[in-house]
Amino acid sequence: MAQNEWILDVLSDLNAFAVANGLSALAEQLDDTRLIAAAEIASLNDEASAPANGNKIRFEPDPRRFGKHQHA
């Protein structure tokens, strides 16, 4: 959902400020926070594109160890 991606820009700006002002621990934390935010936004996007019947597609290891197969 593009409506949530603005937060990634804000976190990047905060990180740039932290780096420019010698706040290295804060900069590292903001890097981690940006990754978490990106993952959560991606998760929201995945949920929004789930099939209309509510079933989620999941991948599991093939019991014969030939890779993965898909379940609905």
PDB file of N, CA and C in Angstrom:
ATOM      1  N   MET A   1       0.832  -1.176   0.000  1.00  0.00           N
ATOM      2  CA  MET A   1       0.000   0.000   0.000  1.00  0.00           C
ATOM      3  C   MET A   1       0.877   1.240   0.000  1.00  0.00           C
ATOM      4  N   ALA A   2       0.820   1.931  -1.095  1.00  0.00           N
ATOM      5  CA  ALA A   2       1.676   3.102  -1.265  1.00  0.00           C
ATOM      6  C   ALA A   2       1.405   4.173  -0.219  1.00  0.00           C
ATOM      7  N   GLN A   3       0.226   4.155   0.361  1.00  0.00           N
ATOM      8  CA  GLN A   3      -0.108   5.178   1.355  1.00  0.00           C
ATOM      9  C   GLN A   3       0.768   5.081   2.597  1.00  0.00           C
ATOM     10  N   ASN A   4       1.392   3.945   2.841  1.00  0.00           N
ATOM     11  CA  ASN A   4       2.227   3.766   4.030  1.00  0.00           C
ATOM     12  C   ASN A   4       3.714   3.967   3.765  1.00  0.00           C
ATOM     13  N   GLU A   5       4.096   4.075   2.516  1.00  0.00           N
ATOM     14  CA  GLU A   5       5.523   4.117   2.195  1.00  0.00           C
ATOM     15  C   GLU A   5       6.187   5.441   2.553  1.00  0.00           C
ATOM     16  N   TRP A   6       5.435   6.464   2.853  1.00  0.00           N
ATOM     17  CA  TRP A   6       6.008   7.750   3.249  1.00  0.00           C
ATOM     18  C   TRP A   6       6.869   7.599   4.500  1.00  0.00           C
ATOM     19  N   ILE A   7       6.510   6.653   5.343  1.00  0.00           N
ATOM     20  CA  ILE A   7       7.262   6.472   6.592  1.00  0.00           C
ATOM     21  C   ILE A   7       8.707   6.057   6.305  1.00  0.00           C
ATOM     22  N   LEU A   8       8.929   5.359   5.205  1.00  0.00           N
ATOM     23  CA  LEU A   8      10.296   4.958   4.843  1.00  0.00           C
ATOM     24  C   LEU A   8      11.144   6.193   4.536  1.00  0.00           C
ATOM     25  N   ASP A   9      10.547   7.182   3.875  1.00  0.00           N
ATOM     26  CA  ASP A   9      11.261   8.434   3.594  1.00  0.00           C
ATOM     27  C   ASP A   9      11.575   9.191   4.883  1.00  0.00           C
ATOM     28  N   VAL A  10      10.617   9.221   5.800  1.00  0.00           N
ATOM     29  CA  VAL A  10      10.831   9.899   7.080  1.00  0.00           C
ATOM     30  C   VAL A  10      11.969   9.224   7.847  1.00  0.00           C
ATOM     31  N   LEU A  11      11.960   7.908   7.883  1.00  0.00           N
ATOM     32  CA  LEU A  11      13.022   7.184   8.592  1.00  0.00           C
ATOM     33  C   LEU A  11      14.380   7.421   7.936  1.00  0.00           C
ATOM     34  N   SER A  12      14.408   7.504   6.617  1.00  0.00           N
ATOM     35  CA  SER A  12      15.665   7.802   5.911  1.00  0.00           C
ATOM     36  C   SER A  12      16.167   9.203   6.255  1.00  0.00           C
ATOM     37  N   ASP A  13      15.256  10.156   6.308  1.00  0.00           N
ATOM     38  CA  ASP A  13      15.641  11.526   6.677  1.00  0.00           C
ATOM     39  C   ASP A  13      16.172  11.586   8.105  1.00  0.00           C
ATOM     40  N   LEU A  14      15.505  10.898   9.013  1.00  0.00           N
ATOM     41  CA  LEU A  14      15.980  10.849  10.400  1.00  0.00           C
ATOM     42  C   LEU A  14      17.353  10.200  10.486  1.00  0.00           C
ATOM     43  N   ASN A  15      17.555   9.161   9.705  1.00  0.00           N
ATOM     44  CA  ASN A  15      18.851   8.487   9.689  1.00  0.00           C
ATOM     45  C   ASN A  15      19.936   9.430   9.180  1.00  0.00           C
ATOM     46  N   ALA A  16      19.653  10.160   8.123  1.00  0.00           N
ATOM     47  CA  ALA A  16      20.636  11.109   7.576  1.00  0.00           C
ATOM     48  C   ALA A  16      20.987  12.165   8.617  1.00  0.00           C
ATOM     49  N   PHE A  17      19.991  12.648   9.352  1.00  0.00           N
ATOM     50  CA  PHE A  17      20.238  13.615  10.406  1.00  0.00           C
ATOM     51  C   PHE A  17      21.129  13.014  11.487  1.00  0.00           C
ATOM     52  N   ALA A  18      20.827  11.782  11.883  1.00  0.00           N
ATOM     53  CA  ALA A  18      21.614  11.125  12.928  1.00  0.00           C
ATOM     54  C   ALA A  18      23.066  10.959  12.493  1.00  0.00           C
ATOM     55  N   VAL A  19      23.277  10.523  11.266  1.00  0.00           N
ATOM     56  CA  VAL A  19      24.641  10.338  10.752  1.00  0.00           C
ATOM     57  C   VAL A  19      25.377  11.674  10.710  1.00  0.00           C
ATOM     58  N   ALA A  20      24.709  12.717  10.202  1.00  0.00           N
ATOM     59  CA  ALA A  20      25.339  14.033  10.072  1.00  0.00           C
ATOM     60  C   ALA A  20      25.688  14.654  11.415  1.00  0.00           C
ATOM     61  N   ASN A  21      25.023  14.216  12.463  1.00  0.00           N
ATOM     62  CA  ASN A  21      25.240  14.794  13.792  1.00  0.00           C
ATOM     63  C   ASN A  21      25.937  13.842  14.756  1.00  0.00           C
ATOM     64  N   GLY A  22      26.580  12.826  14.205  1.00  0.00           N
ATOM     65  CA  GLY A  22      27.390  11.932  15.018  1.00  0.00           C
ATOM     66  C   GLY A  22      26.604  11.030  15.960  1.00  0.00           C
ATOM     67  N   LEU A  23      25.356  10.786  15.655  1.00  0.00           N
ATOM     68  CA  LEU A  23      24.518   9.920  16.496  1.00  0.00           C
ATOM     69  C   LEU A  23      24.499   8.514  15.896  1.00  0.00           C
ATOM     70  N   SER A  24      25.642   7.840  15.980  1.00  0.00           N
ATOM     71  CA  SER A  24      25.806   6.567  15.274  1.00  0.00           C
ATOM     72  C   SER A  24      24.893   5.460  15.792  1.00  0.00           C
ATOM     73  N   ALA A  25      24.684   5.387  17.106  1.00  0.00           N
ATOM     74  CA  ALA A  25      23.797   4.345  17.639  1.00  0.00           C
ATOM     75  C   ALA A  25      22.363   4.567  17.145  1.00  0.00           C
ATOM     76  N   LEU A  26      21.937   5.820  17.139  1.00  0.00           N
ATOM     77  CA  LEU A  26      20.606   6.144  16.647  1.00  0.00           C
ATOM     78  C   LEU A  26      20.500   5.823  15.155  1.00  0.00           C
ATOM     79  N   ALA A  27      21.535   6.142  14.395  1.00  0.00           N
ATOM     80  CA  ALA A  27      21.531   5.853  12.964  1.00  0.00           C
ATOM     81  C   ALA A  27      21.383   4.359  12.707  1.00  0.00           C
ATOM     82  N   GLU A  28      22.089   3.546  13.467  1.00  0.00           N
ATOM     83  CA  GLU A  28      21.977   2.089  13.312  1.00  0.00           C
ATOM     84  C   GLU A  28      20.572   1.613  13.653  1.00  0.00           C
ATOM     85  N   GLN A  29      20.023   2.153  14.724  1.00  0.00           N
ATOM     86  CA  GLN A  29      18.666   1.777  15.128  1.00  0.00           C
ATOM     87  C   GLN A  29      17.649   2.179  14.063  1.00  0.00           C
ATOM     88  N   LEU A  30      17.834   3.350  13.479  1.00  0.00           N
ATOM     89  CA  LEU A  30      16.925   3.794  12.430  1.00  0.00           C
ATOM     90  C   LEU A  30      17.046   2.932  11.174  1.00  0.00           C
ATOM     91  N   ASP A  31      18.249   2.451  10.872  1.00  0.00           N
ATOM     92  CA  ASP A  31      18.411   1.500   9.763  1.00  0.00           C
ATOM     93  C   ASP A  31      17.576   0.249  10.010  1.00  0.00           C
ATOM     94  N   ASP A  32      17.685  -0.290  11.225  1.00  0.00           N
ATOM     95  CA  ASP A  32      16.912  -1.481  11.581  1.00  0.00           C
ATOM     96  C   ASP A  32      15.413  -1.194  11.519  1.00  0.00           C
ATOM     97  N   THR A  33      15.024  -0.041  12.027  1.00  0.00           N
ATOM     98  CA  THR A  33      13.614   0.331  12.036  1.00  0.00           C
ATOM     99  C   THR A  33      13.074   0.462  10.618  1.00  0.00           C
ATOM    100  N   ARG A  34      13.879   1.014   9.723  1.00  0.00           N
ATOM    101  CA  ARG A  34      13.443   1.146   8.331  1.00  0.00           C
ATOM    102  C   ARG A  34      13.244  -0.226   7.693  1.00  0.00           C
ATOM    103  N   LEU A  35      14.128  -1.175   7.982  1.00  0.00           N
ATOM    104  CA  LEU A  35      13.969  -2.533   7.451  1.00  0.00           C
ATOM    105  C   LEU A  35      12.688  -3.182   7.972  1.00  0.00           C
ATOM    106  N   ILE A  36      12.420  -3.005   9.255  1.00  0.00           N
ATOM    107  CA  ILE A  36      11.200  -3.567   9.841  1.00  0.00           C
ATOM    108  C   ILE A  36       9.970  -2.930   9.204  1.00  0.00           C
ATOM    109  N   ALA A  37       9.997  -1.622   9.045  1.00  0.00           N
ATOM    110  CA  ALA A  37       8.868  -0.927   8.431  1.00  0.00           C
ATOM    111  C   ALA A  37       8.645  -1.410   6.998  1.00  0.00           C
ATOM    112  N   ALA A  38       9.718  -1.570   6.248  1.00  0.00           N
ATOM    113  CA  ALA A  38       9.594  -2.043   4.866  1.00  0.00           C
ATOM    114  C   ALA A  38       8.997  -3.450   4.823  1.00  0.00           C
ATOM    115  N   ALA A  39       9.425  -4.304   5.750  1.00  0.00           N
ATOM    116  CA  ALA A  39       8.894  -5.670   5.801  1.00  0.00           C
ATOM    117  C   ALA A  39       7.410  -5.667   6.148  1.00  0.00           C
ATOM    118  N   GLU A  40       7.031  -4.841   7.096  1.00  0.00           N
ATOM    119  CA  GLU A  40       5.622  -4.779   7.475  1.00  0.00           C
ATOM    120  C   GLU A  40       4.760  -4.205   6.352  1.00  0.00           C
ATOM    121  N   ILE A  41       5.258  -3.208   5.661  1.00  0.00           N
ATOM    122  CA  ILE A  41       4.517  -2.647   4.537  1.00  0.00           C
ATOM    123  C   ILE A  41       4.365  -3.695   3.437  1.00  0.00           C
ATOM    124  N   ALA A  42       5.431  -4.437   3.179  1.00  0.00           N
ATOM    125  CA  ALA A  42       5.350  -5.507   2.187  1.00  0.00           C
ATOM    126  C   ALA A  42       4.331  -6.563   2.608  1.00  0.00           C
ATOM    127  N   SER A  43       4.292  -6.858   3.892  1.00  0.00           N
ATOM    128  CA  SER A  43       3.325  -7.827   4.408  1.00  0.00           C
ATOM    129  C   SER A  43       1.899  -7.322   4.201  1.00  0.00           C
ATOM    130  N   LEU A  44       1.678  -6.045   4.461  1.00  0.00           N
ATOM    131  CA  LEU A  44       0.353  -5.466   4.220  1.00  0.00           C
ATOM    132  C   LEU A  44      -0.017  -5.559   2.743  1.00  0.00           C
ATOM    133  N   ASN A  45       0.958  -5.324   1.873  1.00  0.00           N
ATOM    134  CA  ASN A  45       0.715  -5.419   0.440  1.00  0.00           C
ATOM    135  C   ASN A  45       0.360  -6.852   0.049  1.00  0.00           C
ATOM    136  N   ASP A  46       1.032  -7.826   0.658  1.00  0.00           N
ATOM    137  CA  ASP A  46       0.738  -9.233   0.385  1.00  0.00           C
ATOM    138  C   ASP A  46      -0.678  -9.584   0.828  1.00  0.00           C
ATOM    139  N   GLU A  47      -1.079  -9.102   1.995  1.00  0.00           N
ATOM    140  CA  GLU A  47      -2.425  -9.374   2.493  1.00  0.00           C
ATOM    141  C   GLU A  47      -3.473  -8.733   1.596  1.00  0.00           C
ATOM    142  N   ALA A  48      -3.186  -7.558   1.099  1.00  0.00           N
ATOM    143  CA  ALA A  48      -4.138  -6.856   0.238  1.00  0.00           C
ATOM    144  C   ALA A  48      -4.313  -7.576  -1.090  1.00  0.00           C
ATOM    145  N   SER A  49      -3.310  -8.307  -1.526  1.00  0.00           N
ATOM    146  CA  SER A  49      -3.401  -9.001  -2.810  1.00  0.00           C
ATOM    147  C   SER A  49      -3.750 -10.472  -2.637  1.00  0.00           C
ATOM    148  N   ALA A  50      -4.185 -10.874  -1.445  1.00  0.00           N
ATOM    149  CA  ALA A  50      -4.591 -12.264  -1.204  1.00  0.00           C
ATOM    150  C   ALA A  50      -5.828 -12.574  -2.038  1.00  0.00           C
ATOM    151  N   PRO A  51      -6.022 -13.841  -2.365  1.00  0.00           N
ATOM    152  CA  PRO A  51      -7.202 -14.231  -3.139  1.00  0.00           C
ATOM    153  C   PRO A  51      -8.498 -13.792  -2.451  1.00  0.00           C
ATOM    154  N   ALA A  52      -9.517 -13.494  -3.233  1.00  0.00           N
ATOM    155  CA  ALA A  52     -10.785 -12.998  -2.707  1.00  0.00           C
ATOM    156  C   ALA A  52     -11.472 -14.003  -1.787  1.00  0.00           C
ATOM    157  N   ASN A  53     -11.178 -15.294  -1.954  1.00  0.00           N
ATOM    158  CA  ASN A  53     -11.825 -16.310  -1.124  1.00  0.00           C
ATOM    159  C   ASN A  53     -11.204 -16.404   0.270  1.00  0.00           C
ATOM    160  N   GLY A  54     -10.196 -15.592   0.527  1.00  0.00           N
ATOM    161  CA  GLY A  54      -9.589 -15.569   1.847  1.00  0.00           C
ATOM    162  C   GLY A  54      -8.485 -16.587   2.044  1.00  0.00           C
ATOM    163  N   ASN A  55      -8.330 -17.498   1.108  1.00  0.00           N
ATOM    164  CA  ASN A  55      -7.255 -18.481   1.230  1.00  0.00           C
ATOM    165  C   ASN A  55      -5.921 -17.828   0.927  1.00  0.00           C
ATOM    166  N   LYS A  56      -4.958 -18.135   1.742  1.00  0.00           N
ATOM    167  CA  LYS A  56      -3.619 -17.630   1.495  1.00  0.00           C
ATOM    168  C   LYS A  56      -2.789 -18.750   0.882  1.00  0.00           C
ATOM    169  N   ILE A  57      -1.988 -18.374  -0.075  1.00  0.00           N
ATOM    170  CA  ILE A  57      -1.097 -19.353  -0.690  1.00  0.00           C
ATOM    171  C   ILE A  57       0.103 -19.509   0.217  1.00  0.00           C
ATOM    172  N   ARG A  58       0.477 -20.739   0.475  1.00  0.00           N
ATOM    173  CA  ARG A  58       1.650 -20.985   1.301  1.00  0.00           C
ATOM    174  C   ARG A  58       2.505 -22.040   0.633  1.00  0.00           C
ATOM    175  N   PHE A  59       3.780 -21.954   0.835  1.00  0.00           N
ATOM    176  CA  PHE A  59       4.712 -22.901   0.254  1.00  0.00           C
ATOM    177  C   PHE A  59       5.303 -23.740   1.370  1.00  0.00           C
ATOM    178  N   GLU A  60       5.359 -25.043   1.117  1.00  0.00           N
ATOM    179  CA  GLU A  60       5.926 -25.960   2.097  1.00  0.00           C
ATOM    180  C   GLU A  60       6.942 -26.851   1.402  1.00  0.00           C
ATOM    181  N   PRO A  61       7.897 -27.364   2.167  1.00  0.00           N
ATOM    182  CA  PRO A  61       8.852 -28.292   1.569  1.00  0.00           C
ATOM    183  C   PRO A  61       8.140 -29.539   1.065  1.00  0.00           C
ATOM    184  N   ASP A  62       8.577 -30.025  -0.065  1.00  0.00           N
ATOM    185  CA  ASP A  62       8.050 -31.268  -0.607  1.00  0.00           C
ATOM    186  C   ASP A  62       8.543 -32.411   0.271  1.00  0.00           C
ATOM    187  N   PRO A  63       7.659 -33.302   0.720  1.00  0.00           N
ATOM    188  CA  PRO A  63       8.094 -34.401   1.585  1.00  0.00           C
ATOM    189  C   PRO A  63       9.154 -35.279   0.935  1.00  0.00           C
ATOM    190  N   ARG A  64       9.199 -35.296  -0.397  1.00  0.00           N
ATOM    191  CA  ARG A  64      10.225 -36.088  -1.098  1.00  0.00           C
ATOM    192  C   ARG A  64      11.516 -35.320  -1.278  1.00  0.00           C
ATOM    193  N   ARG A  65      11.540 -34.077  -0.750  1.00  0.00           N
ATOM    194  CA  ARG A  65      12.724 -33.205  -0.778  1.00  0.00           C
ATOM    195  C   ARG A  65      13.085 -32.749  -2.201  1.00  0.00           C
ATOM    196  N   PHE A  66      12.098 -32.603  -3.064  1.00  0.00           N
ATOM    197  CA  PHE A  66      12.342 -32.148  -4.422  1.00  0.00           C
ATOM    198  C   PHE A  66      12.068 -30.673  -4.603  1.00  0.00           C
ATOM    199  N   GLY A  67      12.021 -29.938  -3.541  1.00  0.00           N
ATOM    200  CA  GLY A  67      11.754 -28.521  -3.636  1.00  0.00           C
ATOM    201  C   GLY A  67      10.501 -28.173  -2.866  1.00  0.00           C
ATOM    202  N   LYS A  68       9.765 -27.229  -3.379  1.00  0.00           N
ATOM    203  CA  LYS A  68       8.585 -26.763  -2.677  1.00  0.00           C
ATOM    204  C   LYS A  68       7.371 -26.904  -3.577  1.00  0.00           C
ATOM    205  N   HIS A  69       6.243 -27.098  -2.944  1.00  0.00           N
ATOM    206  CA  HIS A  69       5.003 -27.114  -3.687  1.00  0.00           C
ATOM    207  C   HIS A  69       4.024 -26.151  -3.043  1.00  0.00           C
ATOM    208  N   GLN A  70       3.025 -25.804  -3.793  1.00  0.00           N
ATOM    209  CA  GLN A  70       2.118 -24.735  -3.390  1.00  0.00           C
ATOM    210  C   GLN A  70       0.816 -25.310  -2.855  1.00  0.00           C
ATOM    211  N   HIS A  71       0.319 -24.681  -1.781  1.00  0.00           N
ATOM    212  CA  HIS A  71      -0.993 -25.018  -1.209  1.00  0.00           C
ATOM    213  C   HIS A  71      -1.844 -23.767  -1.221  1.00  0.00           C
ATOM    214  N   ALA A  72      -3.113 -23.947  -1.468  1.00  0.00           N
ATOM    215  CA  ALA A  72      -4.029 -22.801  -1.391  1.00  0.00           C
ATOM    216  C   ALA A  72      -4.718 -22.799  -0.052  1.00  0.00           C
TER     217      ALA A  72
END
